[in-house]
Amino acid sequence: MAILLSEFNVPSQAVKDHISSPKTFAMRLYRHQNGTNAQWHCLDKLWTLESQWQINATNGSAYGIPQALPGNRMARFGDDWKYNYQTQLRWGLHYLKERWHNDACEALQHEYRKGWY
């Protein structure tokens, strides 16, 4: 199934209000793409393990909250990927949907087994 980038460009209330934290923004987008509460808790654990939710987190060539490898993969979602958590999270949720069928718990279990997702 093809994923349309426009699915991830739907403004949330958080974007409109400019008061969102990275976690609040991610939670709203993930729920928008039908992530469950249980899956949200897995995603929170996953990105805490990966980056502590820091936009400038690095691990080798991996970068950002979702630890894109290489980091510039996120440029597909915006030229501001190095410093805009919203761009990073849109890319990360798109990756989760494509690679892990939108199941953050599956991705987290893989992270525990292999050290990456």
N, C-alpha and C. Protein backbone atom coordinates (compact mmCIF):
# COMPACT_ATOMS: atom_id res chain seq x y z
N MET A 1 0.84 -1.18 0.00
CA MET A 1 0.00 0.00 0.00
C MET A 1 0.89 1.24 0.00
N ALA A 2 0.64 2.14 -0.90
CA ALA A 2 1.42 3.37 -0.98
C ALA A 2 0.99 4.34 0.13
N ILE A 3 1.96 4.98 0.71
CA ILE A 3 1.70 5.98 1.74
C ILE A 3 1.84 7.36 1.11
N LEU A 4 0.83 8.16 1.25
CA LEU A 4 0.89 9.51 0.72
C LEU A 4 1.51 10.44 1.74
N LEU A 5 2.46 11.23 1.31
CA LEU A 5 3.09 12.18 2.22
C LEU A 5 2.07 13.14 2.79
N SER A 6 1.01 13.41 2.06
CA SER A 6 0.00 14.35 2.55
C SER A 6 -0.65 13.87 3.84
N GLU A 7 -0.63 12.55 4.09
CA GLU A 7 -1.19 12.03 5.34
C GLU A 7 -0.48 12.63 6.55
N PHE A 8 0.76 12.99 6.38
CA PHE A 8 1.57 13.46 7.49
C PHE A 8 1.67 14.98 7.51
N ASN A 9 0.96 15.63 6.64
CA ASN A 9 0.97 17.08 6.58
C ASN A 9 -0.33 17.69 7.10
N VAL A 10 -1.15 16.87 7.73
CA VAL A 10 -2.40 17.36 8.31
C VAL A 10 -2.08 18.15 9.56
N PRO A 11 -2.42 19.43 9.60
CA PRO A 11 -2.09 20.21 10.79
C PRO A 11 -2.86 19.71 12.01
N SER A 12 -2.17 19.60 13.10
CA SER A 12 -2.82 19.24 14.36
C SER A 12 -3.07 20.52 15.14
N GLN A 13 -3.87 20.42 16.18
CA GLN A 13 -4.10 21.57 17.04
C GLN A 13 -2.78 22.06 17.61
N ALA A 14 -1.88 21.13 17.89
CA ALA A 14 -0.58 21.50 18.45
C ALA A 14 0.18 22.42 17.50
N VAL A 15 0.14 22.11 16.21
CA VAL A 15 0.83 22.95 15.23
C VAL A 15 0.18 24.32 15.17
N LYS A 16 -1.14 24.33 15.16
CA LYS A 16 -1.85 25.60 15.06
C LYS A 16 -1.55 26.50 16.26
N ASP A 17 -1.46 25.90 17.43
CA ASP A 17 -1.25 26.69 18.64
C ASP A 17 0.21 27.00 18.92
N HIS A 18 1.12 26.31 18.27
CA HIS A 18 2.55 26.50 18.49
C HIS A 18 2.94 26.31 19.95
N ILE A 19 2.25 25.40 20.64
CA ILE A 19 2.56 25.15 22.04
C ILE A 19 2.91 23.69 22.28
N SER A 20 3.07 22.97 21.23
CA SER A 20 3.27 21.54 21.34
C SER A 20 4.68 21.18 21.77
N SER A 21 4.78 20.13 22.57
CA SER A 21 6.07 19.51 22.84
C SER A 21 6.25 18.42 21.80
N PRO A 22 7.47 17.92 21.60
CA PRO A 22 7.66 16.82 20.66
C PRO A 22 6.76 15.62 20.98
N LYS A 23 6.64 15.25 22.25
CA LYS A 23 5.82 14.09 22.60
C LYS A 23 4.34 14.34 22.30
N THR A 24 3.85 15.53 22.62
CA THR A 24 2.44 15.84 22.35
C THR A 24 2.18 15.81 20.86
N PHE A 25 3.07 16.40 20.10
CA PHE A 25 2.92 16.43 18.64
C PHE A 25 2.93 15.01 18.08
N ALA A 26 3.89 14.19 18.53
CA ALA A 26 3.99 12.80 18.05
C ALA A 26 2.74 12.01 18.42
N MET A 27 2.27 12.18 19.64
CA MET A 27 1.09 11.44 20.08
C MET A 27 -0.12 11.80 19.22
N ARG A 28 -0.30 13.08 18.95
CA ARG A 28 -1.44 13.49 18.13
C ARG A 28 -1.34 12.95 16.71
N LEU A 29 -0.15 13.02 16.13
CA LEU A 29 0.00 12.48 14.77
C LEU A 29 -0.17 10.97 14.76
N TYR A 30 0.39 10.28 15.75
CA TYR A 30 0.29 8.82 15.78
C TYR A 30 -1.16 8.39 15.95
N ARG A 31 -1.89 9.07 16.78
CA ARG A 31 -3.31 8.74 16.93
C ARG A 31 -4.07 9.06 15.64
N HIS A 32 -3.66 10.10 14.95
CA HIS A 32 -4.28 10.45 13.67
C HIS A 32 -4.08 9.32 12.66
N GLN A 33 -2.95 8.63 12.74
CA GLN A 33 -2.70 7.51 11.81
C GLN A 33 -3.08 6.17 12.46
N ASN A 34 -4.01 6.23 13.42
CA ASN A 34 -4.63 5.06 14.03
C ASN A 34 -3.73 4.26 14.96
N GLY A 35 -2.74 4.90 15.56
CA GLY A 35 -1.97 4.24 16.60
C GLY A 35 -2.81 4.15 17.87
N THR A 36 -2.70 3.03 18.56
CA THR A 36 -3.48 2.82 19.79
C THR A 36 -2.73 3.39 20.99
N ASN A 37 -3.39 3.44 22.14
CA ASN A 37 -2.73 3.88 23.38
C ASN A 37 -1.56 2.98 23.73
N ALA A 38 -1.75 1.67 23.60
CA ALA A 38 -0.67 0.73 23.90
C ALA A 38 0.51 0.96 22.96
N GLN A 39 0.23 1.17 21.68
CA GLN A 39 1.30 1.42 20.72
C GLN A 39 1.99 2.75 21.00
N TRP A 40 1.23 3.75 21.45
CA TRP A 40 1.84 5.02 21.81
C TRP A 40 2.86 4.83 22.93
N HIS A 41 2.52 4.05 23.93
CA HIS A 41 3.47 3.81 25.03
C HIS A 41 4.73 3.12 24.53
N CYS A 42 4.58 2.21 23.58
CA CYS A 42 5.75 1.57 22.97
C CYS A 42 6.58 2.59 22.19
N LEU A 43 5.92 3.48 21.46
CA LEU A 43 6.64 4.49 20.69
C LEU A 43 7.40 5.43 21.62
N ASP A 44 6.77 5.82 22.71
CA ASP A 44 7.43 6.68 23.68
C ASP A 44 8.68 5.99 24.23
N LYS A 45 8.58 4.73 24.58
CA LYS A 45 9.74 3.97 25.07
C LYS A 45 10.82 3.86 23.99
N LEU A 46 10.39 3.59 22.77
CA LEU A 46 11.33 3.43 21.67
C LEU A 46 12.15 4.69 21.44
N TRP A 47 11.47 5.82 21.32
CA TRP A 47 12.20 7.06 21.03
C TRP A 47 12.93 7.60 22.24
N THR A 48 12.51 7.20 23.43
CA THR A 48 13.29 7.53 24.63
C THR A 48 14.60 6.75 24.60
N LEU A 49 14.53 5.48 24.25
CA LEU A 49 15.76 4.67 24.12
C LEU A 49 16.68 5.22 23.04
N GLU A 50 16.09 5.57 21.92
CA GLU A 50 16.87 6.00 20.76
C GLU A 50 17.52 7.36 20.96
N SER A 51 16.78 8.32 21.51
CA SER A 51 17.26 9.71 21.49
C SER A 51 16.93 10.54 22.72
N GLN A 52 16.22 9.97 23.68
CA GLN A 52 15.71 10.76 24.80
C GLN A 52 14.86 11.94 24.31
N TRP A 53 14.26 11.78 23.12
CA TRP A 53 13.41 12.80 22.51
C TRP A 53 14.18 14.10 22.22
N GLN A 54 15.47 13.98 21.98
CA GLN A 54 16.30 15.15 21.67
C GLN A 54 16.44 15.31 20.16
N ILE A 55 16.14 16.50 19.65
CA ILE A 55 16.17 16.70 18.19
C ILE A 55 17.57 16.62 17.61
N ASN A 56 18.59 16.85 18.41
CA ASN A 56 19.95 16.82 17.88
C ASN A 56 20.72 15.58 18.33
N ALA A 57 20.02 14.55 18.78
CA ALA A 57 20.68 13.31 19.22
C ALA A 57 21.38 12.65 18.03
N THR A 58 22.58 12.16 18.28
CA THR A 58 23.32 11.46 17.24
C THR A 58 23.85 10.13 17.78
N ASN A 59 23.99 9.20 16.88
CA ASN A 59 24.61 7.91 17.17
C ASN A 59 25.22 7.46 15.86
N GLY A 60 26.50 7.73 15.69
CA GLY A 60 27.12 7.49 14.38
C GLY A 60 26.50 8.41 13.35
N SER A 61 25.96 7.83 12.29
CA SER A 61 25.30 8.62 11.24
C SER A 61 23.81 8.83 11.51
N ALA A 62 23.27 8.20 12.55
CA ALA A 62 21.85 8.36 12.88
C ALA A 62 21.64 9.71 13.55
N TYR A 63 20.46 10.29 13.32
CA TYR A 63 20.23 11.65 13.80
C TYR A 63 18.78 11.85 14.21
N GLY A 64 18.59 12.68 15.21
CA GLY A 64 17.27 13.18 15.58
C GLY A 64 16.50 12.26 16.50
N ILE A 65 15.27 12.66 16.77
CA ILE A 65 14.40 11.91 17.67
C ILE A 65 14.20 10.48 17.19
N PRO A 66 13.88 10.26 15.90
CA PRO A 66 13.66 8.88 15.46
C PRO A 66 14.96 8.16 15.07
N GLN A 67 16.09 8.86 15.15
CA GLN A 67 17.39 8.29 14.78
C GLN A 67 17.39 7.76 13.35
N ALA A 68 17.05 8.63 12.43
CA ALA A 68 17.10 8.30 11.00
C ALA A 68 18.53 8.01 10.61
N LEU A 69 18.72 6.99 9.79
CA LEU A 69 20.06 6.58 9.36
C LEU A 69 20.10 6.50 7.85
N PRO A 70 20.82 7.38 7.18
CA PRO A 70 21.44 8.59 7.72
C PRO A 70 20.38 9.66 8.00
N GLY A 71 20.78 10.64 8.75
CA GLY A 71 19.86 11.69 9.17
C GLY A 71 19.19 12.42 8.02
N ASN A 72 19.92 12.60 6.93
CA ASN A 72 19.36 13.38 5.82
C ASN A 72 18.21 12.68 5.10
N ARG A 73 17.90 11.44 5.48
CA ARG A 73 16.70 10.79 4.94
C ARG A 73 15.45 11.61 5.28
N MET A 74 15.51 12.36 6.38
CA MET A 74 14.36 13.14 6.81
C MET A 74 14.12 14.37 5.93
N ALA A 75 15.08 14.72 5.08
CA ALA A 75 14.94 15.89 4.20
C ALA A 75 13.73 15.74 3.28
N ARG A 76 13.29 14.53 3.06
CA ARG A 76 12.10 14.28 2.25
C ARG A 76 10.87 14.97 2.85
N PHE A 77 10.92 15.22 4.15
CA PHE A 77 9.79 15.85 4.84
C PHE A 77 10.04 17.31 5.17
N GLY A 78 11.22 17.82 4.86
CA GLY A 78 11.49 19.24 5.06
C GLY A 78 12.98 19.53 5.15
N ASP A 79 13.37 20.66 4.62
CA ASP A 79 14.78 21.07 4.67
C ASP A 79 15.23 21.41 6.08
N ASP A 80 14.30 21.55 6.99
CA ASP A 80 14.61 21.93 8.37
C ASP A 80 14.77 20.71 9.29
N TRP A 81 15.01 19.54 8.73
CA TRP A 81 15.04 18.29 9.49
C TRP A 81 16.08 18.28 10.61
N LYS A 82 17.12 19.07 10.53
CA LYS A 82 18.15 19.05 11.57
C LYS A 82 17.68 19.70 12.86
N TYR A 83 16.72 20.61 12.79
CA TYR A 83 16.34 21.37 13.98
C TYR A 83 14.83 21.47 14.22
N ASN A 84 14.02 20.87 13.38
CA ASN A 84 12.57 20.95 13.55
C ASN A 84 12.02 19.59 13.97
N TYR A 85 11.60 19.49 15.21
CA TYR A 85 11.10 18.21 15.70
C TYR A 85 9.87 17.75 14.93
N GLN A 86 9.05 18.68 14.42
CA GLN A 86 7.86 18.28 13.68
C GLN A 86 8.24 17.56 12.40
N THR A 87 9.25 18.05 11.71
CA THR A 87 9.73 17.39 10.50
C THR A 87 10.28 16.01 10.84
N GLN A 88 11.06 15.93 11.90
CA GLN A 88 11.62 14.64 12.31
C GLN A 88 10.53 13.64 12.66
N LEU A 89 9.52 14.10 13.38
CA LEU A 89 8.47 13.19 13.81
C LEU A 89 7.58 12.76 12.66
N ARG A 90 7.33 13.65 11.72
CA ARG A 90 6.56 13.25 10.53
C ARG A 90 7.30 12.14 9.79
N TRP A 91 8.62 12.33 9.62
CA TRP A 91 9.40 11.29 8.96
C TRP A 91 9.38 10.00 9.79
N GLY A 92 9.59 10.11 11.10
CA GLY A 92 9.63 8.93 11.95
C GLY A 92 8.33 8.14 11.93
N LEU A 93 7.21 8.82 11.93
CA LEU A 93 5.93 8.14 11.89
C LEU A 93 5.66 7.54 10.52
N HIS A 94 6.13 8.20 9.48
CA HIS A 94 6.03 7.63 8.14
C HIS A 94 6.86 6.35 8.06
N TYR A 95 8.08 6.38 8.59
CA TYR A 95 8.94 5.19 8.63
C TYR A 95 8.26 4.07 9.41
N LEU A 96 7.71 4.40 10.56
CA LEU A 96 7.02 3.41 11.38
C LEU A 96 5.86 2.77 10.62
N LYS A 97 5.13 3.58 9.90
CA LYS A 97 3.99 3.06 9.15
C LYS A 97 4.44 2.16 8.01
N GLU A 98 5.47 2.56 7.30
CA GLU A 98 5.94 1.76 6.17
C GLU A 98 6.70 0.51 6.60
N ARG A 99 7.64 0.67 7.52
CA ARG A 99 8.53 -0.43 7.90
C ARG A 99 7.91 -1.38 8.91
N TRP A 100 7.12 -0.85 9.84
CA TRP A 100 6.59 -1.65 10.94
C TRP A 100 5.07 -1.72 10.95
N HIS A 101 4.45 -1.43 9.81
CA HIS A 101 2.99 -1.52 9.67
C HIS A 101 2.27 -0.73 10.77
N ASN A 102 2.87 0.38 11.14
CA ASN A 102 2.33 1.31 12.13
C ASN A 102 2.31 0.74 13.55
N ASP A 103 3.04 -0.34 13.78
CA ASP A 103 3.03 -1.01 15.08
C ASP A 103 4.32 -0.70 15.85
N ALA A 104 4.25 0.30 16.71
CA ALA A 104 5.42 0.71 17.48
C ALA A 104 5.86 -0.38 18.45
N CYS A 105 4.95 -1.22 18.90
CA CYS A 105 5.33 -2.30 19.82
C CYS A 105 6.19 -3.34 19.10
N GLU A 106 5.87 -3.62 17.85
CA GLU A 106 6.70 -4.51 17.05
C GLU A 106 8.09 -3.90 16.85
N ALA A 107 8.14 -2.62 16.56
CA ALA A 107 9.43 -1.94 16.39
C ALA A 107 10.22 -1.94 17.69
N LEU A 108 9.56 -1.72 18.81
CA LEU A 108 10.23 -1.73 20.11
C LEU A 108 10.79 -3.11 20.43
N GLN A 109 10.04 -4.15 20.17
CA GLN A 109 10.53 -5.51 20.42
C GLN A 109 11.77 -5.80 19.57
N HIS A 110 11.77 -5.33 18.34
CA HIS A 110 12.94 -5.50 17.47
C HIS A 110 14.13 -4.72 18.04
N GLU A 111 13.86 -3.52 18.53
CA GLU A 111 14.90 -2.70 19.17
C GLU A 111 15.52 -3.46 20.34
N TYR A 112 14.70 -4.08 21.17
CA TYR A 112 15.20 -4.84 22.32
C TYR A 112 16.06 -6.04 21.86
N ARG A 113 15.62 -6.72 20.80
CA ARG A 113 16.35 -7.90 20.31
C ARG A 113 17.62 -7.56 19.55
N LYS A 114 17.54 -6.55 18.69
CA LYS A 114 18.64 -6.27 17.75
C LYS A 114 19.41 -4.98 18.01
N GLY A 115 18.82 -4.07 18.79
CA GLY A 115 19.50 -2.80 19.05
C GLY A 115 19.21 -1.72 18.01
N TRP A 116 18.27 -1.99 17.13
CA TRP A 116 17.84 -1.00 16.13
C TRP A 116 16.43 -1.37 15.70
N TYR A 117 15.78 -0.42 15.04
CA TYR A 117 14.42 -0.72 14.56
C TYR A 117 14.27 -0.34 13.12
